[in-house]
N, C-alpha and C. Protein backbone atom coordinates (compact mmCIF):
# COMPACT_ATOMS: atom_id res chain seq x y z
N UNK A 1 90.98 71.53 42.50
CA UNK A 1 92.50 70.40 42.36
C UNK A 1 92.71 71.69 41.70
N UNK A 2 94.10 71.83 42.39
CA UNK A 2 94.42 73.42 41.71
C UNK A 2 96.09 73.62 40.58
N UNK A 3 95.62 74.11 39.80
CA UNK A 3 95.91 74.46 38.47
C UNK A 3 97.28 74.97 38.08
N UNK A 4 98.04 74.74 37.37
CA UNK A 4 99.57 74.79 37.63
C UNK A 4 100.59 74.77 36.36
N UNK A 5 101.66 75.08 36.28
CA UNK A 5 102.14 76.47 35.46
C UNK A 5 102.87 74.51 34.77
N UNK A 6 102.99 74.33 33.86
CA UNK A 6 103.87 73.17 33.65
C UNK A 6 104.83 73.41 32.64
N UNK A 7 106.20 72.88 32.46
CA UNK A 7 106.88 73.33 31.80
C UNK A 7 107.95 72.48 31.35
N UNK A 8 108.42 71.77 30.00
CA UNK A 8 109.40 71.00 29.48
C UNK A 8 110.12 71.50 28.51
N UNK A 9 111.37 70.65 28.94
CA UNK A 9 112.56 71.45 28.27
C UNK A 9 113.19 70.13 27.80
N UNK A 10 114.13 70.42 26.77
CA UNK A 10 114.31 69.39 26.47
C UNK A 10 115.98 69.15 25.03
N UNK A 11 116.73 68.81 24.58
CA UNK A 11 117.37 69.17 23.68
C UNK A 11 116.86 68.75 22.12
N UNK A 12 117.08 69.12 21.12
CA UNK A 12 116.62 69.71 19.73
C UNK A 12 116.92 68.00 19.52
N UNK A 13 115.39 67.07 19.61
CA UNK A 13 115.94 65.63 18.90
C UNK A 13 114.93 64.28 20.11
N UNK A 14 114.84 65.52 20.90
CA UNK A 14 113.36 64.54 22.30
C UNK A 14 112.25 64.25 22.10
N UNK A 15 111.86 65.58 20.87
CA UNK A 15 110.74 65.33 21.20
C UNK A 15 109.14 65.71 21.86
N UNK A 16 110.08 67.21 22.52
CA UNK A 16 109.28 67.55 23.82
C UNK A 16 107.74 68.05 23.02
N UNK A 17 108.24 68.78 21.71
CA UNK A 17 106.93 69.81 20.85
C UNK A 17 105.67 68.63 20.58
N UNK A 18 105.89 67.12 20.12
CA UNK A 18 104.87 66.32 20.49
C UNK A 18 104.60 65.30 21.18
N UNK A 19 105.44 65.63 22.63
CA UNK A 19 104.93 64.98 23.68
C UNK A 19 103.75 65.22 23.53
N UNK A 20 104.31 67.24 24.49
CA UNK A 20 102.47 67.96 24.37
C UNK A 20 101.92 68.46 23.16
N UNK A 21 102.04 68.25 21.96
CA UNK A 21 100.78 67.82 21.16
C UNK A 21 100.44 66.86 21.94
N UNK A 22 100.78 65.88 22.15
CA UNK A 22 99.58 64.37 22.76
C UNK A 22 99.05 64.96 23.92
N UNK A 23 99.90 65.48 24.73
CA UNK A 23 99.15 66.19 26.12
C UNK A 23 97.65 66.94 25.31
N UNK A 24 98.41 67.34 25.06
CA UNK A 24 97.03 68.96 24.99
C UNK A 24 96.02 68.03 23.83
N UNK A 25 96.17 67.09 23.76
CA UNK A 25 94.77 66.36 22.37
C UNK A 25 94.15 65.47 24.04
N UNK A 26 95.25 64.91 25.08
CA UNK A 26 93.82 63.62 25.81
C UNK A 26 93.44 64.64 27.59
N UNK A 27 93.79 66.19 27.51
CA UNK A 27 93.87 66.64 28.95
C UNK A 27 93.29 68.48 28.34
N UNK A 28 91.53 68.59 28.36
CA UNK A 28 91.27 69.35 28.13
C UNK A 28 91.50 70.48 29.46
N UNK A 29 91.97 69.83 30.13
CA UNK A 29 92.36 70.56 31.91
C UNK A 29 94.25 71.50 31.69
N UNK A 30 94.26 71.32 30.15
CA UNK A 30 95.72 71.59 30.02
C UNK A 30 95.82 72.67 28.49
N UNK A 31 96.84 73.88 28.34
CA UNK A 31 96.35 74.85 27.59
C UNK A 31 97.86 74.99 27.17
N UNK A 32 97.80 75.90 25.99
CA UNK A 32 99.37 76.40 25.61
C UNK A 32 99.11 77.33 25.78
N UNK A 33 99.90 77.96 25.79
CA UNK A 33 99.74 79.85 25.99
C UNK A 33 100.66 80.01 24.49
N UNK A 34 99.86 81.27 23.68
CA UNK A 34 100.43 81.64 23.09
C UNK A 34 101.78 82.62 22.96
N UNK A 35 102.79 82.69 22.60
CA UNK A 35 104.10 83.36 23.13
C UNK A 35 104.07 84.71 22.68
N UNK A 36 104.82 85.26 22.87
CA UNK A 36 105.09 87.49 23.01
C UNK A 36 105.63 87.23 22.60
N UNK A 37 105.62 88.54 21.15
CA UNK A 37 107.20 88.91 20.31
C UNK A 37 106.96 90.24 20.19
N UNK A 38 108.88 90.37 19.45
CA UNK A 38 108.39 92.14 19.11
C UNK A 38 108.73 92.11 17.78
N UNK A 39 108.80 90.77 17.10
CA UNK A 39 109.03 90.90 15.55
C UNK A 39 108.08 91.42 14.62
N UNK A 40 108.57 92.24 13.46
CA UNK A 40 107.40 91.92 12.62
C UNK A 40 106.13 91.39 12.31
N UNK A 41 105.60 91.56 11.74
CA UNK A 41 104.50 90.34 11.68
C UNK A 41 105.02 89.75 10.49
N UNK A 42 104.77 89.13 9.88
CA UNK A 42 104.48 87.93 8.32
C UNK A 42 103.27 88.33 7.84
N UNK A 43 103.83 88.25 6.67
CA UNK A 43 102.63 87.71 5.12
C UNK A 43 101.89 86.62 5.84
N UNK A 44 100.49 86.80 6.52
CA UNK A 44 99.58 85.49 6.30
C UNK A 44 99.44 85.18 7.89
N UNK A 45 100.21 85.61 8.80
CA UNK A 45 100.95 85.86 9.58
C UNK A 45 98.38 86.66 10.98
N UNK A 46 98.26 86.33 11.53
CA UNK A 46 97.51 86.83 12.08
C UNK A 46 98.01 86.94 13.94
N UNK A 47 97.95 88.28 14.51
CA UNK A 47 98.39 88.41 15.78
C UNK A 47 97.31 87.55 16.49
N UNK A 48 97.83 86.76 17.19
CA UNK A 48 97.29 85.81 18.63
C UNK A 48 97.03 84.84 17.86
N UNK A 49 97.48 84.50 16.51
CA UNK A 49 98.00 82.84 16.54
C UNK A 49 99.12 82.75 15.67
N UNK A 50 99.24 82.18 16.68
CA UNK A 50 101.22 82.20 16.35
C UNK A 50 102.59 82.71 17.70
N UNK A 51 101.93 84.10 17.67
CA UNK A 51 101.95 84.90 18.36
C UNK A 51 101.19 86.55 18.65
N UNK A 52 101.98 86.68 19.79
CA UNK A 52 101.16 87.85 19.86
C UNK A 52 101.70 88.94 19.61
N UNK A 53 101.37 89.56 18.80
CA UNK A 53 102.94 90.90 17.88
C UNK A 53 102.70 92.70 18.66
N UNK A 54 103.69 92.07 19.12
CA UNK A 54 103.95 94.06 19.57
C UNK A 54 104.88 95.27 19.38
N UNK A 55 105.03 95.96 19.24
CA UNK A 55 106.14 97.00 19.46
C UNK A 55 107.26 96.81 20.13
N UNK A 56 108.47 97.95 19.57
CA UNK A 56 109.15 97.94 20.51
C UNK A 56 108.72 98.56 22.00
N UNK A 57 107.93 99.59 21.16
CA UNK A 57 107.56 100.03 22.68
C UNK A 57 106.74 99.10 23.42
N UNK A 58 105.88 98.46 23.22
CA UNK A 58 104.45 97.87 23.54
C UNK A 58 105.37 96.98 24.63
N UNK A 59 106.57 96.32 23.74
CA UNK A 59 107.45 95.25 24.17
C UNK A 59 108.56 95.44 25.52
N UNK A 60 108.46 96.94 25.71
CA UNK A 60 109.31 97.32 26.60
C UNK A 60 108.82 97.74 27.83
N UNK A 61 107.23 98.03 27.20
CA UNK A 61 106.01 98.00 28.57
C UNK A 61 106.03 96.87 29.12
N UNK A 62 105.83 95.82 28.55
CA UNK A 62 105.69 94.59 28.82
C UNK A 62 107.22 93.94 29.82
N UNK A 63 108.18 94.39 28.92
CA UNK A 63 109.15 94.06 30.34
C UNK A 63 109.43 94.70 31.64
N UNK A 64 108.91 96.39 31.48
CA UNK A 64 109.01 97.11 32.47
C UNK A 64 107.99 96.57 33.55
N UNK A 65 106.23 96.37 33.12
CA UNK A 65 105.32 96.21 33.93
C UNK A 65 106.11 95.00 34.87
N UNK A 66 107.01 93.12 34.21
CA UNK A 66 106.79 92.36 35.21
C UNK A 66 106.29 91.45 33.81
N UNK A 67 105.56 91.40 33.01
CA UNK A 67 105.21 91.05 32.68
C UNK A 67 105.31 89.80 31.61
N UNK A 68 107.27 89.87 31.92
CA UNK A 68 107.59 88.82 30.60
C UNK A 68 108.70 87.73 31.44
N UNK A 69 108.15 86.75 31.84
CA UNK A 69 108.08 84.98 31.74
C UNK A 69 109.86 84.91 32.04
N UNK A 70 109.62 84.69 31.26
CA UNK A 70 110.76 84.97 29.98
C UNK A 70 111.13 85.69 28.99
N UNK A 71 112.15 85.96 28.65
CA UNK A 71 112.23 86.65 26.94
C UNK A 71 113.78 86.31 26.47
N UNK A 72 113.35 85.52 25.64
CA UNK A 72 115.32 85.78 24.76
C UNK A 72 115.18 86.80 23.66
N UNK A 73 115.97 86.76 22.65
CA UNK A 73 116.56 87.52 21.80
C UNK A 73 117.12 86.61 20.59
N UNK A 74 116.32 86.30 19.40
CA UNK A 74 116.99 85.53 18.38
C UNK A 74 116.71 86.12 17.09
N UNK A 75 118.02 86.28 16.30
CA UNK A 75 118.45 86.73 15.19
C UNK A 75 117.68 88.46 14.81
N UNK A 76 118.02 89.30 15.82
CA UNK A 76 117.25 89.79 16.20
C UNK A 76 116.10 90.57 16.39
N UNK A 77 115.58 89.78 16.58
CA UNK A 77 113.83 89.55 17.32
C UNK A 77 113.57 88.94 18.78
N UNK A 78 112.79 89.91 19.89
CA UNK A 78 112.50 89.25 21.12
C UNK A 78 111.07 88.23 20.60
N UNK A 79 111.57 87.34 21.83
CA UNK A 79 110.42 86.26 22.57
C UNK A 79 110.21 86.09 23.47
N UNK A 80 109.36 85.76 24.12
CA UNK A 80 108.54 85.73 25.42
C UNK A 80 107.21 84.87 26.00
N UNK A 81 106.87 84.86 26.71
CA UNK A 81 106.06 84.07 27.78
C UNK A 81 105.46 85.20 28.56
N UNK A 82 104.17 85.65 28.65
CA UNK A 82 103.31 86.88 28.57
C UNK A 82 102.70 85.67 30.34
N UNK A 83 103.22 86.46 31.08
CA UNK A 83 102.55 86.01 32.62
C UNK A 83 101.21 86.70 32.66
N UNK A 84 100.93 87.42 32.13
CA UNK A 84 99.32 87.54 32.21
C UNK A 84 98.57 86.58 31.25
N UNK A 85 99.05 86.51 30.51
CA UNK A 85 98.37 84.87 29.64
C UNK A 85 98.12 84.07 30.45
N UNK A 86 99.96 82.97 31.38
CA UNK A 86 99.68 82.49 32.32
C UNK A 86 98.78 82.59 33.06
N UNK A 87 98.18 83.85 33.47
CA UNK A 87 98.26 83.78 34.87
C UNK A 87 96.35 83.87 34.38
N UNK A 88 95.74 84.32 33.13
CA UNK A 88 94.55 84.60 32.81
C UNK A 88 94.15 82.64 32.85
N UNK A 89 95.05 81.87 32.05
CA UNK A 89 94.67 80.33 32.15
C UNK A 89 94.19 79.83 32.70
N UNK A 90 95.93 79.79 33.97
CA UNK A 90 95.22 79.23 35.66
C UNK A 90 94.32 79.61 36.30
N UNK A 91 93.85 80.66 36.27
CA UNK A 91 92.33 81.61 36.86
C UNK A 91 91.12 80.88 36.28
N UNK A 92 91.51 80.91 35.50
CA UNK A 92 90.26 80.00 34.23
C UNK A 92 90.04 78.67 34.40
N UNK A 93 90.80 78.60 35.35
CA UNK A 93 90.43 76.35 36.08
C UNK A 93 91.87 76.02 34.89
N UNK A 94 92.32 76.29 34.00
CA UNK A 94 93.30 75.40 33.34
C UNK A 94 94.60 75.48 33.45
N UNK A 95 95.55 74.20 33.68
CA UNK A 95 96.77 74.01 33.68
C UNK A 95 97.39 74.09 32.77
N UNK A 96 98.76 74.73 32.52
CA UNK A 96 99.01 75.52 31.15
C UNK A 96 100.60 74.46 31.44
N UNK A 97 100.49 73.94 30.08
CA UNK A 97 102.41 73.47 29.68
C UNK A 97 103.00 74.58 28.26
N UNK A 98 104.15 74.71 28.46
CA UNK A 98 105.21 75.07 27.69
C UNK A 98 106.34 73.54 27.15
N UNK A 99 106.78 74.13 26.33
CA UNK A 99 107.90 74.40 26.25
C UNK A 99 108.88 74.97 25.57
N UNK A 100 109.69 74.75 25.99
CA UNK A 100 111.12 75.69 26.06
C UNK A 100 112.65 75.18 25.79
N UNK A 101 113.36 76.17 25.27
CA UNK A 101 114.38 75.47 25.89
C UNK A 101 114.96 76.01 26.93
N UNK A 102 115.33 74.85 27.15
CA UNK A 102 116.84 74.75 28.14
C UNK A 102 117.15 76.00 29.51
N UNK A 103 117.36 77.46 28.10
CA UNK A 103 117.93 78.62 29.42
C UNK A 103 116.51 79.18 28.99
N UNK A 104 115.99 79.26 29.01
CA UNK A 104 114.08 80.00 29.09
C UNK A 104 113.62 79.58 30.22
N UNK A 105 114.13 78.06 29.96
CA UNK A 105 112.95 77.15 31.52
C UNK A 105 114.00 78.00 32.81
N UNK A 106 114.92 77.76 32.18
CA UNK A 106 115.43 78.12 33.57
C UNK A 106 115.03 80.09 33.99
N UNK A 107 115.05 80.60 33.55
CA UNK A 107 115.28 82.44 33.72
C UNK A 107 113.34 81.90 33.89
N UNK A 108 111.97 81.59 33.18
CA UNK A 108 111.13 81.46 33.74
C UNK A 108 111.16 80.76 35.08
N UNK A 109 111.30 79.63 35.14
CA UNK A 109 111.73 79.14 37.05
C UNK A 109 112.02 80.10 37.99
N UNK A 110 112.78 80.62 37.31
CA UNK A 110 113.77 82.09 38.89
C UNK A 110 112.07 83.65 39.16
N UNK A 111 112.02 83.01 37.10
CA UNK A 111 110.56 84.59 37.97
C UNK A 111 109.30 83.70 38.26
N UNK A 112 108.92 82.77 38.28
CA UNK A 112 107.57 81.95 38.35
C UNK A 112 108.30 80.31 39.37
N UNK A 113 109.04 81.09 40.74
CA UNK A 113 109.09 79.36 40.76
C UNK A 113 107.53 78.03 41.20
N UNK A 114 106.97 78.62 41.34
CA UNK A 114 105.83 77.35 41.80
C UNK A 114 105.18 76.65 40.52
N UNK A 115 106.33 77.31 39.33
CA UNK A 115 106.15 76.54 37.76
C UNK A 115 107.01 75.05 38.01
N UNK A 116 106.40 73.84 37.10
CA UNK A 116 106.79 72.45 37.43
C UNK A 116 107.70 72.20 36.21
N UNK A 117 108.66 72.20 36.32
CA UNK A 117 109.82 72.36 34.95
C UNK A 117 110.01 70.45 34.88
N UNK A 118 110.01 69.90 33.82
CA UNK A 118 110.36 68.56 33.29
C UNK A 118 111.24 68.74 31.95
N UNK A 119 112.72 67.94 32.65
CA UNK A 119 114.28 67.69 31.45
C UNK A 119 113.58 66.33 31.15
N UNK A 120 113.41 67.02 29.53
CA UNK A 120 112.92 64.70 28.56
C UNK A 120 114.10 65.23 27.38
N UNK A 121 114.72 63.38 27.88
CA UNK A 121 115.87 63.83 26.76
C UNK A 121 115.34 61.69 26.62
N UNK A 122 116.19 62.04 25.52
CA UNK A 122 116.24 60.35 25.09
C UNK A 122 117.49 59.64 25.16
N UNK A 123 117.27 58.11 25.14
CA UNK A 123 119.22 57.73 25.87
C UNK A 123 120.05 57.99 24.50
N UNK A 124 121.49 58.93 25.13
CA UNK A 124 122.86 58.93 24.29
C UNK A 124 122.62 58.41 22.65
N UNK A 125 121.76 57.22 23.24
CA UNK A 125 122.33 55.91 21.80
C UNK A 125 120.91 56.52 20.96
N UNK A 126 119.61 56.65 20.94
CA UNK A 126 118.31 56.82 20.71
C UNK A 126 118.81 58.97 20.10
N UNK A 127 119.39 59.14 20.46
CA UNK A 127 120.02 60.98 20.58
C UNK A 127 120.77 61.00 19.63
N UNK A 128 121.85 60.38 19.60
CA UNK A 128 122.55 60.60 18.72
C UNK A 128 121.50 59.34 17.34
N UNK A 129 121.32 58.80 17.16
CA UNK A 129 119.93 57.89 16.10
C UNK A 129 119.36 58.65 15.36
N UNK A 130 119.16 59.52 16.51
CA UNK A 130 117.84 60.37 15.63
C UNK A 130 118.95 61.49 15.34
N UNK A 131 120.09 61.97 15.46
CA UNK A 131 120.46 63.06 15.10
C UNK A 131 121.56 62.22 13.67
N UNK A 132 122.12 61.26 14.08
CA UNK A 132 122.18 61.25 12.07
C UNK A 132 121.73 61.06 11.17
N UNK A 133 119.94 60.26 11.96
CA UNK A 133 118.93 60.30 10.97
C UNK A 133 118.27 62.05 10.23
N UNK A 134 118.81 63.13 11.10
CA UNK A 134 118.49 64.18 9.86
C UNK A 134 119.74 65.45 9.91
N UNK A 135 121.03 64.86 10.16
CA UNK A 135 121.86 65.16 9.77
C UNK A 135 122.52 65.75 8.27
N UNK A 136 123.28 66.36 7.89
CA UNK A 136 123.01 67.10 6.47
C UNK A 136 124.28 66.87 6.54
N UNK A 137 125.55 66.77 7.14
CA UNK A 137 126.79 66.10 7.48
C UNK A 137 127.31 64.85 8.08
N UNK A 138 128.69 64.69 8.24
CA UNK A 138 128.81 64.21 9.41
C UNK A 138 129.54 64.56 10.55
N UNK A 139 130.15 66.02 9.95
CA UNK A 139 130.26 67.02 11.10
C UNK A 139 128.76 67.65 12.08
N UNK A 140 128.16 67.11 11.10
CA UNK A 140 126.54 67.51 12.62
C UNK A 140 126.87 67.34 13.90
N UNK A 141 126.99 65.54 13.38
CA UNK A 141 126.72 64.99 14.52
C UNK A 141 127.00 65.18 15.56
N UNK A 142 127.99 65.54 16.19
CA UNK A 142 128.92 66.07 17.46
C UNK A 142 128.56 66.74 17.55
N UNK A 143 128.37 68.12 16.91
CA UNK A 143 127.81 69.59 17.90
C UNK A 143 126.72 69.31 17.76
N UNK A 144 126.09 68.35 17.57
CA UNK A 144 124.67 68.30 18.23
C UNK A 144 124.46 68.43 19.32
N UNK A 145 125.39 66.35 19.57
CA UNK A 145 125.77 66.12 20.89
C UNK A 145 125.92 66.51 21.77
N UNK A 146 127.14 67.45 22.01
CA UNK A 146 127.68 68.03 22.39
C UNK A 146 126.93 69.43 22.47
N UNK A 147 125.62 69.76 22.42
CA UNK A 147 125.24 71.08 22.31
C UNK A 147 123.58 70.18 23.38
N UNK A 148 123.86 68.62 23.17
CA UNK A 148 122.53 68.00 23.68
C UNK A 148 122.89 68.17 25.42
N UNK A 149 124.56 68.04 25.20
CA UNK A 149 125.06 67.74 26.67
C UNK A 149 125.19 68.77 27.19
N UNK A 150 125.45 70.10 26.55
CA UNK A 150 125.04 71.50 27.04
C UNK A 150 124.33 71.68 27.92
N UNK A 151 123.28 71.22 27.03
CA UNK A 151 121.62 71.31 27.61
C UNK A 151 121.12 70.53 29.05
N UNK A 152 121.84 69.51 28.99
CA UNK A 152 122.01 68.43 30.39
C UNK A 152 122.37 69.06 31.65
N UNK A 153 123.79 69.88 31.16
CA UNK A 153 124.40 70.60 32.55
C UNK A 153 123.58 71.58 33.47
N UNK A 154 122.71 71.96 32.23
CA UNK A 154 121.93 73.34 33.00
C UNK A 154 120.71 72.66 32.83
N UNK A 155 120.91 72.14 33.68
CA UNK A 155 118.86 71.48 33.62
C UNK A 155 118.38 71.50 35.30
N UNK A 156 119.98 71.31 36.14
CA UNK A 156 119.71 70.71 37.20
C UNK A 156 118.37 71.55 37.93
N UNK A 157 117.98 72.30 37.22
CA UNK A 157 116.73 72.93 38.61
C UNK A 157 115.64 72.35 38.13
N UNK A 158 115.60 72.29 37.12
CA UNK A 158 114.09 71.31 36.90
C UNK A 158 113.81 70.37 37.58
N UNK A 159 112.45 69.77 37.99
CA UNK A 159 111.37 69.07 38.55
C UNK A 159 111.25 68.02 38.81
N UNK A 160 111.84 67.23 37.81
CA UNK A 160 112.04 66.17 37.17
C UNK A 160 112.32 65.93 35.87
N UNK A 161 112.50 64.41 35.33
CA UNK A 161 113.26 64.12 34.14
C UNK A 161 112.34 63.07 33.88
N UNK A 162 112.51 63.02 32.55
CA UNK A 162 112.12 61.60 31.73
C UNK A 162 112.48 61.16 31.45
N UNK A 163 112.35 60.07 30.26
CA UNK A 163 113.78 59.55 29.19
C UNK A 163 112.22 60.31 28.01
N UNK A 164 112.45 60.29 26.40
CA UNK A 164 112.01 59.82 26.07
C UNK A 164 111.83 59.12 24.61
N UNK A 165 112.85 57.86 25.08
CA UNK A 165 112.81 57.15 23.90
C UNK A 165 112.26 56.37 23.68
N UNK A 166 110.35 56.37 23.80
CA UNK A 166 109.82 55.96 24.22
C UNK A 166 108.39 56.83 24.10
N UNK A 167 107.98 57.69 22.89
CA UNK A 167 107.52 58.87 23.43
C UNK A 167 106.09 58.57 24.12
N UNK A 168 105.15 57.58 23.68
CA UNK A 168 103.88 57.59 24.25
C UNK A 168 104.38 57.03 26.20
N UNK A 169 104.95 56.59 26.54
CA UNK A 169 105.09 56.29 27.77
C UNK A 169 106.23 57.82 28.59
N UNK A 170 106.95 58.59 27.78
CA UNK A 170 106.82 59.91 28.34
C UNK A 170 105.65 60.62 28.14
N UNK A 171 104.59 60.78 27.32
CA UNK A 171 102.94 61.43 27.52
C UNK A 171 102.84 60.67 28.80
N UNK A 172 102.65 59.53 28.75
CA UNK A 172 102.07 59.06 29.93
C UNK A 172 102.25 59.37 31.35
N UNK A 173 104.11 59.21 31.54
CA UNK A 173 104.91 60.02 32.77
C UNK A 173 104.73 61.48 32.74
N UNK A 174 104.65 62.08 31.60
CA UNK A 174 104.13 63.78 31.74
C UNK A 174 102.38 63.87 32.58
N UNK A 175 101.54 62.89 31.74
CA UNK A 175 100.05 63.33 32.48
C UNK A 175 100.18 62.74 34.13
N UNK A 176 101.25 61.81 34.28
CA UNK A 176 100.46 61.44 35.85
C UNK A 176 101.36 62.22 36.29
N UNK A 177 102.66 62.86 35.90
CA UNK A 177 102.71 64.27 36.87
C UNK A 177 101.84 65.16 36.86
N UNK A 178 101.28 65.49 36.11
CA UNK A 178 100.21 66.24 35.91
C UNK A 178 99.37 66.25 37.09
N UNK A 179 98.43 64.87 36.43
CA UNK A 179 97.82 64.43 38.10
C UNK A 179 98.30 64.59 39.26
N UNK A 180 98.58 64.28 39.48
CA UNK A 180 99.79 64.51 40.99
C UNK A 180 99.77 65.54 41.12
N UNK A 181 100.62 66.71 40.52
CA UNK A 181 100.48 67.61 41.21
C UNK A 181 99.28 68.76 41.54
N UNK A 182 99.02 68.93 39.91
CA UNK A 182 96.91 69.13 40.62
C UNK A 182 95.76 69.14 41.84
N UNK A 183 96.08 67.92 42.26
CA UNK A 183 94.94 66.93 42.81
C UNK A 183 95.08 67.30 44.05
């Protein structure tokens, strides 16, 4: 059986982190990868738990060596996925499952074309319902819906698409895809 890198992406409210957690709970052959960052460690954080922390020189060395499958800057801090850590998991006999925003998933697909990228989203009605349930104001819902549409438009690189109105069905579909791709 060949092991692969799987990436799930979707708009806020799609439930991709919950879906990934369910897959990890069911499948010992699928691993998460701890992301890397160049931000400073906060009180109580430990290196390798939540993130691997690098100073700027170390981060720049990762980039120069081509060790970042994808990276982004958010709020003045750098975040990414280590090629070495992914490859170590694959070489160790495990598939890897990442949850990434669509732009980061597209970047990863360009640097690791054999990755299997899946776009997961609920139906428009369910997505709107979820947004209304968490919105702080009526103005927030259309902004979130617009962002979800923007992300959908950017997701044409994805190899598969699943709905997430029924989270359990999405988990089963993703597990079946992992089975097909690694058989």
